[in-house]
Amino acid sequence: MPAGGFVVGDGQKAYPGKLTPFVLFTCVVAAMGGLIFGYDIGISGGVTSMPSFLRRFFPSVYRKQQEDATTNQYCQYDSPTLTLFTSSLYLAALISSLVASTVTRKFGRRLSMLFGGILFCAGALINGFAKHVWMLIVGRILLGFGIGFANQSVPLYLSEMAPYKYRGALNIGFQLSITIGILVAEVLNYFFAKIKGGWGWRLSLGGAVVPALIITLGSLILPDTPNSMIERGQHEEAKTKLRRIRGVDDVSQEFDDLVAASKESQSIEHPWTNLLRRKYRPHLTMAIMIPFLSAAHWNQCDYVLRSCFVQHHWFHDRCFSHVRRGHWLGQRGCHACVDLWC
């Protein structure tokens, strides 16, 4: 998909434009799409550590914890149903991301973000009012569909709206929102787990409605990107929108390059096959491994380490907060280094 920018070569091209309040506002609102992913990462590990949640939906796991506290923690959590509960979201996100790419290209970034917010909101409501395990799994699948759409469209939206000089700084807002979502979820889990009556897990799972509404309502007020309009043949509207985004009247050079890039991308007959060509393999490898390792790190902190802390009665003490703080600082530092290097 085309995106405006500058050409690096013998003659470096710099498009006119500035960081307007309009662009800053739209990018901040769009970046909030990362909250849904971050919130789910933090919440899922928390509720699966709540005794009341396990007793109601995963009694076999709960019995193992109560009968023999010396049993290895991984054996206590050895439950196919619990595994399905946690992994169904990621499988659904994988599948929906393939569909989301087509929706994002043909109907625009805003509509894809809207779909993501609605699906995530529906999944959060089902999970919050769940009475049976199948309702939890259906809710998780809808959450995954929503994440697949949001994670595909939000970074693309930010890249296309931001001026090339500030693209890295504004795009990192998506990652920042993910981390904020994790932090908020961890804090809520801590307090909801203390609610008498054992129904705090409903607030944790149902609370996902809040970030879902933020991205849903935000997508209704956000403008579509000039790149998306050009792809759909709306050239005049795209040029008008580009003038407002860049804050200057003369956007002919960038607009012409966007049109040319769109035509060139549409002329490629086998884009997926081209990705496998030798010269693109390093780019493809990095594009896959960076999110893969990042997601693996999140899950390690929120599932595996949490289980270890529960086993040793550290979950509500300082230890987990230190690990979470270290995870947050480490992630922010890595992203800052990548931003400066790129």
C-alpha atoms as a PDB file:
ATOM      1  CA  MET A   1       0.000   0.000   0.000  1.00  0.00           C
ATOM      2  CA  PRO A   2       1.389   3.395  -0.862  1.00  0.00           C
ATOM      3  CA  ALA A   3       2.402   5.902   1.737  1.00  0.00           C
ATOM      4  CA  GLY A   4       3.686   9.452   1.315  1.00  0.00           C
ATOM      5  CA  GLY A   5       7.294  10.120   2.197  1.00  0.00           C
ATOM      6  CA  PHE A   6      10.628  11.217   0.817  1.00  0.00           C
ATOM      7  CA  VAL A   7      12.987   9.657  -1.666  1.00  0.00           C
ATOM      8  CA  VAL A   8      16.448   8.788  -0.448  1.00  0.00           C
ATOM      9  CA  GLY A   9      19.091   8.926  -3.151  1.00  0.00           C
ATOM     10  CA  ASP A  10      21.381  11.385  -4.888  1.00  0.00           C
ATOM     11  CA  GLY A  11      18.779  14.104  -4.537  1.00  0.00           C
ATOM     12  CA  GLN A  12      16.833  13.911  -1.292  1.00  0.00           C
ATOM     13  CA  LYS A  13      13.217  14.981  -1.594  1.00  0.00           C
ATOM     14  CA  ALA A  14      11.477  16.687   1.320  1.00  0.00           C
ATOM     15  CA  TYR A  15       7.771  17.427   1.099  1.00  0.00           C
ATOM     16  CA  PRO A  16       6.460  20.722   2.476  1.00  0.00           C
ATOM     17  CA  GLY A  17       4.290  20.476   5.539  1.00  0.00           C
ATOM     18  CA  LYS A  18       4.227  20.789   9.299  1.00  0.00           C
ATOM     19  CA  LEU A  19       2.843  19.029  12.318  1.00  0.00           C
ATOM     20  CA  THR A  20      -0.545  20.700  12.626  1.00  0.00           C
ATOM     21  CA  PRO A  21      -2.836  20.396  15.659  1.00  0.00           C
ATOM     22  CA  PHE A  22      -5.307  18.593  13.398  1.00  0.00           C
ATOM     23  CA  VAL A  23      -2.774  15.869  12.534  1.00  0.00           C
ATOM     24  CA  LEU A  24      -1.602  15.580  16.138  1.00  0.00           C
ATOM     25  CA  PHE A  25      -5.175  15.137  17.345  1.00  0.00           C
ATOM     26  CA  THR A  26      -6.045  12.517  14.736  1.00  0.00           C
ATOM     27  CA  CYS A  27      -2.862  10.552  15.420  1.00  0.00           C
ATOM     28  CA  VAL A  28      -3.404  10.585  19.185  1.00  0.00           C
ATOM     29  CA  VAL A  29      -6.991   9.362  18.782  1.00  0.00           C
ATOM     30  CA  ALA A  30      -6.000   6.694  16.270  1.00  0.00           C
ATOM     31  CA  ALA A  31      -3.107   5.503  18.438  1.00  0.00           C
ATOM     32  CA  MET A  32      -5.643   4.687  21.133  1.00  0.00           C
ATOM     33  CA  GLY A  33      -6.416   1.618  19.033  1.00  0.00           C
ATOM     34  CA  GLY A  34      -3.455  -0.005  20.758  1.00  0.00           C
ATOM     35  CA  LEU A  35      -5.314   0.106  24.075  1.00  0.00           C
ATOM     36  CA  ILE A  36      -7.543  -2.832  23.158  1.00  0.00           C
ATOM     37  CA  PHE A  37      -4.593  -5.118  22.502  1.00  0.00           C
ATOM     38  CA  GLY A  38      -2.669  -3.995  25.570  1.00  0.00           C
ATOM     39  CA  TYR A  39      -5.700  -4.232  27.843  1.00  0.00           C
ATOM     40  CA  ASP A  40      -6.432  -7.772  26.745  1.00  0.00           C
ATOM     41  CA  ILE A  41      -2.824  -8.868  27.282  1.00  0.00           C
ATOM     42  CA  GLY A  42      -2.873  -7.563  30.842  1.00  0.00           C
ATOM     43  CA  ILE A  43      -6.375  -8.707  31.744  1.00  0.00           C
ATOM     44  CA  SER A  44      -6.179 -12.283  30.451  1.00  0.00           C
ATOM     45  CA  GLY A  45      -3.286 -13.303  32.647  1.00  0.00           C
ATOM     46  CA  GLY A  46      -4.930 -11.653  35.646  1.00  0.00           C
ATOM     47  CA  VAL A  47      -8.316 -13.341  35.493  1.00  0.00           C
ATOM     48  CA  THR A  48      -6.768 -16.788  34.951  1.00  0.00           C
ATOM     49  CA  SER A  49      -5.020 -16.285  38.288  1.00  0.00           C
ATOM     50  CA  MET A  50      -8.232 -15.408  40.171  1.00  0.00           C
ATOM     51  CA  PRO A  51      -9.492 -18.391  42.206  1.00  0.00           C
ATOM     52  CA  SER A  52     -13.156 -17.429  41.717  1.00  0.00           C
ATOM     53  CA  PHE A  53     -12.738 -17.379  37.928  1.00  0.00           C
ATOM     54  CA  LEU A  54     -10.985 -20.755  37.888  1.00  0.00           C
ATOM     55  CA  ARG A  55     -13.503 -22.306  40.276  1.00  0.00           C
ATOM     56  CA  ARG A  56     -16.402 -21.297  38.036  1.00  0.00           C
ATOM     57  CA  PHE A  57     -15.067 -22.055  34.555  1.00  0.00           C
ATOM     58  CA  PHE A  58     -12.008 -24.281  35.032  1.00  0.00           C
ATOM     59  CA  PRO A  59     -12.724 -26.393  38.132  1.00  0.00           C
ATOM     60  CA  SER A  60     -10.087 -29.006  37.273  1.00  0.00           C
ATOM     61  CA  VAL A  61      -7.363 -26.352  37.443  1.00  0.00           C
ATOM     62  CA  TYR A  62      -8.792 -24.989  40.659  1.00  0.00           C
ATOM     63  CA  ARG A  63      -8.898 -28.453  42.252  1.00  0.00           C
ATOM     64  CA  LYS A  64      -5.264 -29.091  41.335  1.00  0.00           C
ATOM     65  CA  GLN A  65      -4.257 -25.857  43.021  1.00  0.00           C
ATOM     66  CA  GLN A  66      -6.203 -26.660  46.185  1.00  0.00           C
ATOM     67  CA  GLU A  67      -5.341 -30.345  46.506  1.00  0.00           C
ATOM     68  CA  ASP A  68      -1.567 -30.174  46.159  1.00  0.00           C
ATOM     69  CA  ALA A  69       0.180 -26.837  46.466  1.00  0.00           C
ATOM     70  CA  THR A  70       3.539 -28.518  45.879  1.00  0.00           C
ATOM     71  CA  THR A  71       2.625 -29.613  42.359  1.00  0.00           C
ATOM     72  CA  ASN A  72       4.526 -27.932  39.577  1.00  0.00           C
ATOM     73  CA  GLN A  73       2.620 -24.832  38.502  1.00  0.00           C
ATOM     74  CA  TYR A  74       2.645 -25.846  34.848  1.00  0.00           C
ATOM     75  CA  CYS A  75       0.988 -29.148  35.757  1.00  0.00           C
ATOM     76  CA  GLN A  76      -1.711 -27.311  37.687  1.00  0.00           C
ATOM     77  CA  TYR A  77      -2.533 -25.210  34.622  1.00  0.00           C
ATOM     78  CA  ASP A  78      -2.517 -28.218  32.290  1.00  0.00           C
ATOM     79  CA  SER A  79      -6.037 -27.810  30.889  1.00  0.00           C
ATOM     80  CA  PRO A  80      -6.972 -27.988  27.180  1.00  0.00           C
ATOM     81  CA  THR A  81     -10.007 -25.792  27.830  1.00  0.00           C
ATOM     82  CA  LEU A  82      -7.937 -23.121  29.546  1.00  0.00           C
ATOM     83  CA  THR A  83      -5.419 -23.294  26.714  1.00  0.00           C
ATOM     84  CA  LEU A  84      -8.245 -22.819  24.213  1.00  0.00           C
ATOM     85  CA  PHE A  85      -9.498 -19.837  26.204  1.00  0.00           C
ATOM     86  CA  THR A  86      -6.152 -18.053  26.077  1.00  0.00           C
ATOM     87  CA  SER A  87      -5.068 -19.019  22.555  1.00  0.00           C
ATOM     88  CA  SER A  88      -8.373 -18.594  20.712  1.00  0.00           C
ATOM     89  CA  LEU A  89      -7.896 -14.821  20.630  1.00  0.00           C
ATOM     90  CA  TYR A  90      -4.538 -15.041  18.865  1.00  0.00           C
ATOM     91  CA  LEU A  91      -5.770 -17.578  16.332  1.00  0.00           C
ATOM     92  CA  ALA A  92      -8.783 -15.371  15.570  1.00  0.00           C
ATOM     93  CA  ALA A  93      -6.533 -12.304  15.250  1.00  0.00           C
ATOM     94  CA  LEU A  94      -4.315 -14.182  12.790  1.00  0.00           C
ATOM     95  CA  ILE A  95      -7.263 -15.135  10.604  1.00  0.00           C
ATOM     96  CA  SER A  96      -8.965 -11.734  10.753  1.00  0.00           C
ATOM     97  CA  SER A  97      -5.757  -9.881   9.878  1.00  0.00           C
ATOM     98  CA  LEU A  98      -5.817 -11.562   6.459  1.00  0.00           C
ATOM     99  CA  VAL A  99      -9.362 -10.306   5.857  1.00  0.00           C
ATOM    100  CA  ALA A 100      -8.592  -6.929   7.417  1.00  0.00           C
ATOM    101  CA  SER A 101      -5.914  -6.169   4.837  1.00  0.00           C
ATOM    102  CA  THR A 102      -8.488  -6.394   2.029  1.00  0.00           C
ATOM    103  CA  VAL A 103     -11.052  -4.334   3.944  1.00  0.00           C
ATOM    104  CA  THR A 104      -8.451  -1.702   4.787  1.00  0.00           C
ATOM    105  CA  ARG A 105      -7.346  -1.405   1.167  1.00  0.00           C
ATOM    106  CA  LYS A 106     -10.772  -1.359  -0.495  1.00  0.00           C
ATOM    107  CA  PHE A 107     -12.900   0.472   2.066  1.00  0.00           C
ATOM    108  CA  GLY A 108     -10.425   2.635   3.959  1.00  0.00           C
ATOM    109  CA  ARG A 109      -8.534   2.655   7.232  1.00  0.00           C
ATOM    110  CA  ARG A 110     -11.359   4.223   9.232  1.00  0.00           C
ATOM    111  CA  LEU A 111     -13.817   1.457   8.410  1.00  0.00           C
ATOM    112  CA  SER A 112     -11.303  -1.195   9.386  1.00  0.00           C
ATOM    113  CA  MET A 113     -10.725   0.514  12.740  1.00  0.00           C
ATOM    114  CA  LEU A 114     -14.490   0.785  13.215  1.00  0.00           C
ATOM    115  CA  PHE A 115     -14.931  -2.942  12.596  1.00  0.00           C
ATOM    116  CA  GLY A 116     -12.163  -3.657  15.060  1.00  0.00           C
ATOM    117  CA  GLY A 117     -13.759  -1.551  17.767  1.00  0.00           C
ATOM    118  CA  ILE A 118     -17.237  -3.026  17.284  1.00  0.00           C
ATOM    119  CA  LEU A 119     -16.003  -6.619  17.296  1.00  0.00           C
ATOM    120  CA  PHE A 120     -13.869  -6.023  20.369  1.00  0.00           C
ATOM    121  CA  CYS A 121     -16.763  -4.344  22.165  1.00  0.00           C
ATOM    122  CA  ALA A 122     -19.063  -7.294  21.408  1.00  0.00           C
ATOM    123  CA  GLY A 123     -16.463  -9.755  22.680  1.00  0.00           C
ATOM    124  CA  ALA A 124     -15.945  -7.763  25.870  1.00  0.00           C
ATOM    125  CA  LEU A 125     -19.675  -7.734  26.627  1.00  0.00           C
ATOM    126  CA  ILE A 126     -19.995 -11.482  26.067  1.00  0.00           C
ATOM    127  CA  ASN A 127     -17.034 -12.169  28.338  1.00  0.00           C
ATOM    128  CA  GLY A 128     -18.274  -9.812  31.024  1.00  0.00           C
ATOM    129  CA  PHE A 129     -21.681 -11.532  31.190  1.00  0.00           C
ATOM    130  CA  ALA A 130     -20.386 -15.052  30.521  1.00  0.00           C
ATOM    131  CA  LYS A 131     -22.022 -17.947  32.356  1.00  0.00           C
ATOM    132  CA  HIS A 132     -20.446 -20.829  30.472  1.00  0.00           C
ATOM    133  CA  VAL A 133     -17.015 -21.613  29.070  1.00  0.00           C
ATOM    134  CA  TRP A 134     -18.272 -21.536  25.486  1.00  0.00           C
ATOM    135  CA  MET A 135     -19.358 -17.928  26.004  1.00  0.00           C
ATOM    136  CA  LEU A 136     -15.831 -17.051  27.128  1.00  0.00           C
ATOM    137  CA  ILE A 137     -14.338 -18.679  24.049  1.00  0.00           C
ATOM    138  CA  VAL A 138     -16.807 -16.984  21.673  1.00  0.00           C
ATOM    139  CA  GLY A 139     -16.029 -13.671  23.342  1.00  0.00           C
ATOM    140  CA  ARG A 140     -12.303 -14.272  22.988  1.00  0.00           C
ATOM    141  CA  ILE A 141     -12.714 -15.048  19.302  1.00  0.00           C
ATOM    142  CA  LEU A 142     -14.566 -11.763  18.764  1.00  0.00           C
ATOM    143  CA  LEU A 143     -11.841  -9.955  20.703  1.00  0.00           C
ATOM    144  CA  GLY A 144      -9.290 -11.543  18.400  1.00  0.00           C
ATOM    145  CA  PHE A 145     -11.184 -10.448  15.314  1.00  0.00           C
ATOM    146  CA  GLY A 146     -11.239  -6.899  16.656  1.00  0.00           C
ATOM    147  CA  ILE A 147      -7.522  -6.925  17.433  1.00  0.00           C
ATOM    148  CA  GLY A 148      -6.740  -8.275  13.968  1.00  0.00           C
ATOM    149  CA  PHE A 149      -8.536  -5.361  12.323  1.00  0.00           C
ATOM    150  CA  ALA A 150      -7.148  -2.702  14.673  1.00  0.00           C
ATOM    151  CA  ASN A 151      -3.551  -3.902  14.600  1.00  0.00           C
ATOM    152  CA  GLN A 152      -3.618  -3.959  10.807  1.00  0.00           C
ATOM    153  CA  SER A 153      -5.173  -0.542  10.220  1.00  0.00           C
ATOM    154  CA  VAL A 154      -4.006   1.704  13.075  1.00  0.00           C
ATOM    155  CA  PRO A 155      -0.228   1.667  12.345  1.00  0.00           C
ATOM    156  CA  LEU A 156      -0.955   2.185   8.654  1.00  0.00           C
ATOM    157  CA  TYR A 157      -3.265   5.106   9.443  1.00  0.00           C
ATOM    158  CA  LEU A 158      -0.643   6.758  11.644  1.00  0.00           C
ATOM    159  CA  SER A 159       2.085   6.353   9.005  1.00  0.00           C
ATOM    160  CA  GLU A 160      -0.047   7.897   6.290  1.00  0.00           C
ATOM    161  CA  MET A 161      -1.321  10.830   8.330  1.00  0.00           C
ATOM    162  CA  ALA A 162       1.992  11.880   9.863  1.00  0.00           C
ATOM    163  CA  PRO A 163       4.447  14.205   8.052  1.00  0.00           C
ATOM    164  CA  TYR A 164       7.527  12.249   7.044  1.00  0.00           C
ATOM    165  CA  LYS A 165       9.727  14.077   9.584  1.00  0.00           C
ATOM    166  CA  TYR A 166       7.491  13.004  12.474  1.00  0.00           C
ATOM    167  CA  ARG A 167       6.336   9.626  11.206  1.00  0.00           C
ATOM    168  CA  GLY A 168       8.402   7.560  13.636  1.00  0.00           C
ATOM    169  CA  ALA A 169       7.466   9.699  16.642  1.00  0.00           C
ATOM    170  CA  LEU A 170       3.725   9.500  15.922  1.00  0.00           C
ATOM    171  CA  ASN A 171       3.711   5.859  14.883  1.00  0.00           C
ATOM    172  CA  ILE A 172       5.316   4.819  18.169  1.00  0.00           C
ATOM    173  CA  GLY A 173       2.163   6.113  19.859  1.00  0.00           C
ATOM    174  CA  PHE A 174       0.507   2.814  18.924  1.00  0.00           C
ATOM    175  CA  GLN A 175       3.112   0.846  20.876  1.00  0.00           C
ATOM    176  CA  LEU A 176       2.844   3.296  23.746  1.00  0.00           C
ATOM    177  CA  SER A 177      -0.921   2.734  23.873  1.00  0.00           C
ATOM    178  CA  ILE A 178      -0.391  -1.023  24.025  1.00  0.00           C
ATOM    179  CA  THR A 179       1.874  -0.611  27.035  1.00  0.00           C
ATOM    180  CA  ILE A 180      -0.536   1.806  28.720  1.00  0.00           C
ATOM    181  CA  GLY A 181      -3.307  -0.725  28.168  1.00  0.00           C
ATOM    182  CA  ILE A 182      -1.227  -3.430  29.857  1.00  0.00           C
ATOM    183  CA  LEU A 183      -0.447  -1.166  32.808  1.00  0.00           C
ATOM    184  CA  VAL A 184      -4.087  -0.152  33.294  1.00  0.00           C
ATOM    185  CA  ALA A 185      -5.207  -3.778  33.095  1.00  0.00           C
ATOM    186  CA  GLU A 186      -2.668  -4.855  35.720  1.00  0.00           C
ATOM    187  CA  VAL A 187      -3.779  -2.144  38.128  1.00  0.00           C
ATOM    188  CA  LEU A 188      -7.457  -3.012  37.634  1.00  0.00           C
ATOM    189  CA  ASN A 189      -6.763  -6.719  38.104  1.00  0.00           C
ATOM    190  CA  TYR A 190      -5.064  -5.990  41.395  1.00  0.00           C
ATOM    191  CA  PHE A 191      -8.077  -4.157  42.816  1.00  0.00           C
ATOM    192  CA  PHE A 192     -10.818  -6.262  41.184  1.00  0.00           C
ATOM    193  CA  ALA A 193      -9.298  -9.448  42.606  1.00  0.00           C
ATOM    194  CA  LYS A 194      -9.916  -8.039  46.110  1.00  0.00           C
ATOM    195  CA  ILE A 195     -13.676  -7.607  45.573  1.00  0.00           C
ATOM    196  CA  LYS A 196     -15.632  -9.748  48.005  1.00  0.00           C
ATOM    197  CA  GLY A 197     -17.954 -12.246  46.398  1.00  0.00           C
ATOM    198  CA  GLY A 198     -15.507 -13.292  43.698  1.00  0.00           C
ATOM    199  CA  TRP A 199     -17.136 -11.421  40.804  1.00  0.00           C
ATOM    200  CA  GLY A 200     -14.273  -9.033  40.136  1.00  0.00           C
ATOM    201  CA  TRP A 201     -13.291 -11.017  37.040  1.00  0.00           C
ATOM    202  CA  ARG A 202     -16.482  -9.789  35.370  1.00  0.00           C
ATOM    203  CA  LEU A 203     -15.319  -6.202  35.769  1.00  0.00           C
ATOM    204  CA  SER A 204     -11.887  -7.096  34.437  1.00  0.00           C
ATOM    205  CA  LEU A 205     -13.229  -8.789  31.315  1.00  0.00           C
ATOM    206  CA  GLY A 206     -16.142  -6.399  30.796  1.00  0.00           C
ATOM    207  CA  GLY A 207     -13.897  -3.390  31.289  1.00  0.00           C
ATOM    208  CA  ALA A 208     -12.515  -4.020  27.808  1.00  0.00           C
ATOM    209  CA  VAL A 209     -15.621  -2.191  26.572  1.00  0.00           C
ATOM    210  CA  VAL A 210     -13.986   1.124  27.510  1.00  0.00           C
ATOM    211  CA  PRO A 211     -10.974   0.953  25.129  1.00  0.00           C
ATOM    212  CA  ALA A 212     -13.267  -0.589  22.513  1.00  0.00           C
ATOM    213  CA  LEU A 213     -15.578   2.424  22.678  1.00  0.00           C
ATOM    214  CA  ILE A 214     -12.615   4.786  22.428  1.00  0.00           C
ATOM    215  CA  ILE A 215     -11.454   3.332  19.105  1.00  0.00           C
ATOM    216  CA  THR A 216     -15.042   2.877  17.845  1.00  0.00           C
ATOM    217  CA  LEU A 217     -16.105   6.462  18.512  1.00  0.00           C
ATOM    218  CA  GLY A 218     -12.708   7.741  17.423  1.00  0.00           C
ATOM    219  CA  SER A 219     -12.974   6.054  14.031  1.00  0.00           C
ATOM    220  CA  LEU A 220     -16.302   7.826  13.459  1.00  0.00           C
ATOM    221  CA  ILE A 221     -14.791  11.294  13.852  1.00  0.00           C
ATOM    222  CA  LEU A 222     -11.400  10.666  12.242  1.00  0.00           C
ATOM    223  CA  PRO A 223     -10.864  11.601   8.590  1.00  0.00           C
ATOM    224  CA  ASP A 224      -9.697   9.043   6.081  1.00  0.00           C
ATOM    225  CA  THR A 225      -6.134   9.283   4.802  1.00  0.00           C
ATOM    226  CA  PRO A 226      -5.288  10.762   1.376  1.00  0.00           C
ATOM    227  CA  ASN A 227      -3.591   7.476   0.473  1.00  0.00           C
ATOM    228  CA  SER A 228      -6.803   5.566   1.065  1.00  0.00           C
ATOM    229  CA  MET A 229      -8.825   8.049  -0.975  1.00  0.00           C
ATOM    230  CA  ILE A 230      -6.396   7.808  -3.886  1.00  0.00           C
ATOM    231  CA  GLU A 231      -6.603   4.021  -3.849  1.00  0.00           C
ATOM    232  CA  ARG A 232     -10.389   4.328  -4.191  1.00  0.00           C
ATOM    233  CA  GLY A 233     -10.188   6.865  -7.006  1.00  0.00           C
ATOM    234  CA  GLN A 234     -11.159   9.940  -4.964  1.00  0.00           C
ATOM    235  CA  HIS A 235      -8.306  12.131  -6.209  1.00  0.00           C
ATOM    236  CA  GLU A 236      -9.823  15.582  -5.713  1.00  0.00           C
ATOM    237  CA  GLU A 237     -11.008  14.783  -2.201  1.00  0.00           C
ATOM    238  CA  ALA A 238      -7.577  13.338  -1.421  1.00  0.00           C
ATOM    239  CA  LYS A 239      -5.784  16.491  -2.570  1.00  0.00           C
ATOM    240  CA  THR A 240      -8.062  18.689  -0.483  1.00  0.00           C
ATOM    241  CA  LYS A 241      -7.528  16.489   2.551  1.00  0.00           C
ATOM    242  CA  LEU A 242      -3.766  16.490   2.005  1.00  0.00           C
ATOM    243  CA  ARG A 243      -3.700  20.308   2.042  1.00  0.00           C
ATOM    244  CA  ARG A 244      -5.488  20.332   5.400  1.00  0.00           C
ATOM    245  CA  ILE A 245      -3.269  17.635   6.869  1.00  0.00           C
ATOM    246  CA  ARG A 246       0.016  19.242   5.821  1.00  0.00           C
ATOM    247  CA  GLY A 247      -1.115  22.794   6.597  1.00  0.00           C
ATOM    248  CA  VAL A 248       0.160  24.180   3.279  1.00  0.00           C
ATOM    249  CA  ASP A 249      -1.464  24.978  -0.075  1.00  0.00           C
ATOM    250  CA  ASP A 250       1.198  23.512  -2.345  1.00  0.00           C
ATOM    251  CA  VAL A 251       1.060  19.724  -1.977  1.00  0.00           C
ATOM    252  CA  SER A 252       1.392  18.933  -5.684  1.00  0.00           C
ATOM    253  CA  GLN A 253       4.719  17.138  -5.363  1.00  0.00           C
ATOM    254  CA  GLU A 254       3.614  14.798  -2.587  1.00  0.00           C
ATOM    255  CA  PHE A 255       0.215  14.247  -4.172  1.00  0.00           C
ATOM    256  CA  ASP A 256       1.723  13.315  -7.536  1.00  0.00           C
ATOM    257  CA  ASP A 257       4.074  10.872  -5.844  1.00  0.00           C
ATOM    258  CA  LEU A 258       1.178   9.294  -3.953  1.00  0.00           C
ATOM    259  CA  VAL A 259      -0.780   8.847  -7.178  1.00  0.00           C
ATOM    260  CA  ALA A 260       2.256   7.376  -8.930  1.00  0.00           C
ATOM    261  CA  ALA A 261       2.911   4.996  -6.034  1.00  0.00           C
ATOM    262  CA  SER A 262      -0.727   3.901  -6.042  1.00  0.00           C
ATOM    263  CA  LYS A 263      -0.660   3.153  -9.760  1.00  0.00           C
ATOM    264  CA  GLU A 264       2.599   1.260  -9.424  1.00  0.00           C
ATOM    265  CA  SER A 265       1.296  -0.867  -6.558  1.00  0.00           C
ATOM    266  CA  GLN A 266      -1.844  -1.711  -8.512  1.00  0.00           C
ATOM    267  CA  SER A 267       0.227  -2.799 -11.497  1.00  0.00           C
ATOM    268  CA  ILE A 268       1.978  -5.525  -9.500  1.00  0.00           C
ATOM    269  CA  GLU A 269       0.426  -8.820 -10.528  1.00  0.00           C
ATOM    270  CA  HIS A 270       1.723 -11.134  -7.807  1.00  0.00           C
ATOM    271  CA  PRO A 271       2.537  -9.088  -4.683  1.00  0.00           C
ATOM    272  CA  TRP A 272       2.643 -12.067  -2.319  1.00  0.00           C
ATOM    273  CA  THR A 273       5.009 -13.952  -4.602  1.00  0.00           C
ATOM    274  CA  ASN A 274       7.292 -10.925  -4.870  1.00  0.00           C
ATOM    275  CA  LEU A 275       7.667 -10.818  -1.094  1.00  0.00           C
ATOM    276  CA  LEU A 276       9.425 -14.169  -1.244  1.00  0.00           C
ATOM    277  CA  ARG A 277      12.069 -12.941  -3.661  1.00  0.00           C
ATOM    278  CA  ARG A 278      15.615 -12.960  -2.346  1.00  0.00           C
ATOM    279  CA  LYS A 279      16.051  -9.180  -2.137  1.00  0.00           C
ATOM    280  CA  TYR A 280      12.960  -8.811   0.078  1.00  0.00           C
ATOM    281  CA  ARG A 281      13.731 -11.687   2.450  1.00  0.00           C
ATOM    282  CA  PRO A 282      15.557  -9.559   5.065  1.00  0.00           C
ATOM    283  CA  HIS A 283      12.661  -7.101   5.166  1.00  0.00           C
ATOM    284  CA  LEU A 284      10.114  -9.924   5.401  1.00  0.00           C
ATOM    285  CA  THR A 285      12.080 -11.637   8.163  1.00  0.00           C
ATOM    286  CA  MET A 286      12.287  -8.471  10.268  1.00  0.00           C
ATOM    287  CA  ALA A 287       8.615  -7.651   9.664  1.00  0.00           C
ATOM    288  CA  ILE A 288       7.659 -11.061  11.039  1.00  0.00           C
ATOM    289  CA  MET A 289      10.180 -11.499  13.840  1.00  0.00           C
ATOM    290  CA  ILE A 290       9.817  -8.079  15.493  1.00  0.00           C
ATOM    291  CA  PRO A 291       6.084  -8.455  16.328  1.00  0.00           C
ATOM    292  CA  PHE A 292       6.525 -12.180  16.999  1.00  0.00           C
ATOM    293  CA  LEU A 293       9.237 -11.678  19.606  1.00  0.00           C
ATOM    294  CA  SER A 294       7.452  -8.656  21.054  1.00  0.00           C
ATOM    295  CA  ALA A 295       4.211 -10.611  21.519  1.00  0.00           C
ATOM    296  CA  ALA A 296       6.114 -13.573  22.944  1.00  0.00           C
ATOM    297  CA  HIS A 297       7.699 -11.255  25.510  1.00  0.00           C
ATOM    298  CA  TRP A 298       4.321  -9.841  26.538  1.00  0.00           C
ATOM    299  CA  ASN A 299       2.845 -13.304  26.996  1.00  0.00           C
ATOM    300  CA  GLN A 300       5.865 -14.452  28.977  1.00  0.00           C
ATOM    301  CA  CYS A 301       5.379 -11.656  31.508  1.00  0.00           C
ATOM    302  CA  ASP A 302       1.606 -11.956  31.699  1.00  0.00           C
ATOM    303  CA  TYR A 303       1.101 -15.721  31.673  1.00  0.00           C
ATOM    304  CA  VAL A 304       4.236 -17.661  32.528  1.00  0.00           C
ATOM    305  CA  LEU A 305       5.763 -15.359  35.143  1.00  0.00           C
ATOM    306  CA  ARG A 306       2.402 -14.684  36.707  1.00  0.00           C
ATOM    307  CA  SER A 307       1.898 -18.407  37.210  1.00  0.00           C
ATOM    308  CA  CYS A 308       5.282 -18.628  38.915  1.00  0.00           C
ATOM    309  CA  PHE A 309       4.408 -15.733  41.222  1.00  0.00           C
ATOM    310  CA  VAL A 310       1.057 -17.263  42.129  1.00  0.00           C
ATOM    311  CA  GLN A 311       2.792 -20.517  42.982  1.00  0.00           C
ATOM    312  CA  HIS A 312       5.172 -18.755  45.375  1.00  0.00           C
ATOM    313  CA  HIS A 313       2.518 -16.334  46.736  1.00  0.00           C
ATOM    314  CA  TRP A 314       4.198 -13.288  45.186  1.00  0.00           C
ATOM    315  CA  PHE A 315       1.400 -12.182  42.911  1.00  0.00           C
ATOM    316  CA  HIS A 316       0.080  -9.317  45.029  1.00  0.00           C
ATOM    317  CA  ASP A 317       3.476  -8.235  46.338  1.00  0.00           C
ATOM    318  CA  ARG A 318       6.224  -6.019  45.008  1.00  0.00           C
ATOM    319  CA  CYS A 319       7.829  -8.661  42.799  1.00  0.00           C
ATOM    320  CA  PHE A 320       5.324  -8.557  39.962  1.00  0.00           C
ATOM    321  CA  SER A 321       5.187  -4.774  39.927  1.00  0.00           C
ATOM    322  CA  HIS A 322       8.973  -4.683  39.559  1.00  0.00           C
ATOM    323  CA  VAL A 323       8.875  -7.095  36.629  1.00  0.00           C
ATOM    324  CA  ARG A 324       6.095  -5.087  34.980  1.00  0.00           C
ATOM    325  CA  ARG A 325       8.017  -1.854  35.507  1.00  0.00           C
ATOM    326  CA  GLY A 326      11.154  -3.414  34.030  1.00  0.00           C
ATOM    327  CA  HIS A 327       9.172  -4.755  31.079  1.00  0.00           C
ATOM    328  CA  TRP A 328       7.694  -1.306  30.413  1.00  0.00           C
ATOM    329  CA  LEU A 329      11.040   0.482  30.610  1.00  0.00           C
ATOM    330  CA  GLY A 330      12.766  -2.146  28.482  1.00  0.00           C
ATOM    331  CA  GLN A 331      10.115  -2.003  25.788  1.00  0.00           C
ATOM    332  CA  ARG A 332      10.138   1.787  25.661  1.00  0.00           C
ATOM    333  CA  GLY A 333      13.939   1.807  25.467  1.00  0.00           C
ATOM    334  CA  CYS A 334      14.012  -0.699  22.605  1.00  0.00           C
ATOM    335  CA  HIS A 335      11.427   1.205  20.632  1.00  0.00           C
ATOM    336  CA  ALA A 336      13.271   4.494  21.180  1.00  0.00           C
ATOM    337  CA  CYS A 337      16.512   2.971  19.899  1.00  0.00           C
ATOM    338  CA  VAL A 338      14.795   1.552  16.821  1.00  0.00           C
ATOM    339  CA  ASP A 339      13.181   4.925  16.158  1.00  0.00           C
ATOM    340  CA  LEU A 340      16.483   6.785  16.379  1.00  0.00           C
ATOM    341  CA  TRP A 341      18.325   4.219  14.269  1.00  0.00           C
ATOM    342  CA  CYS A 342      15.686   4.130  11.540  1.00  0.00           C
END
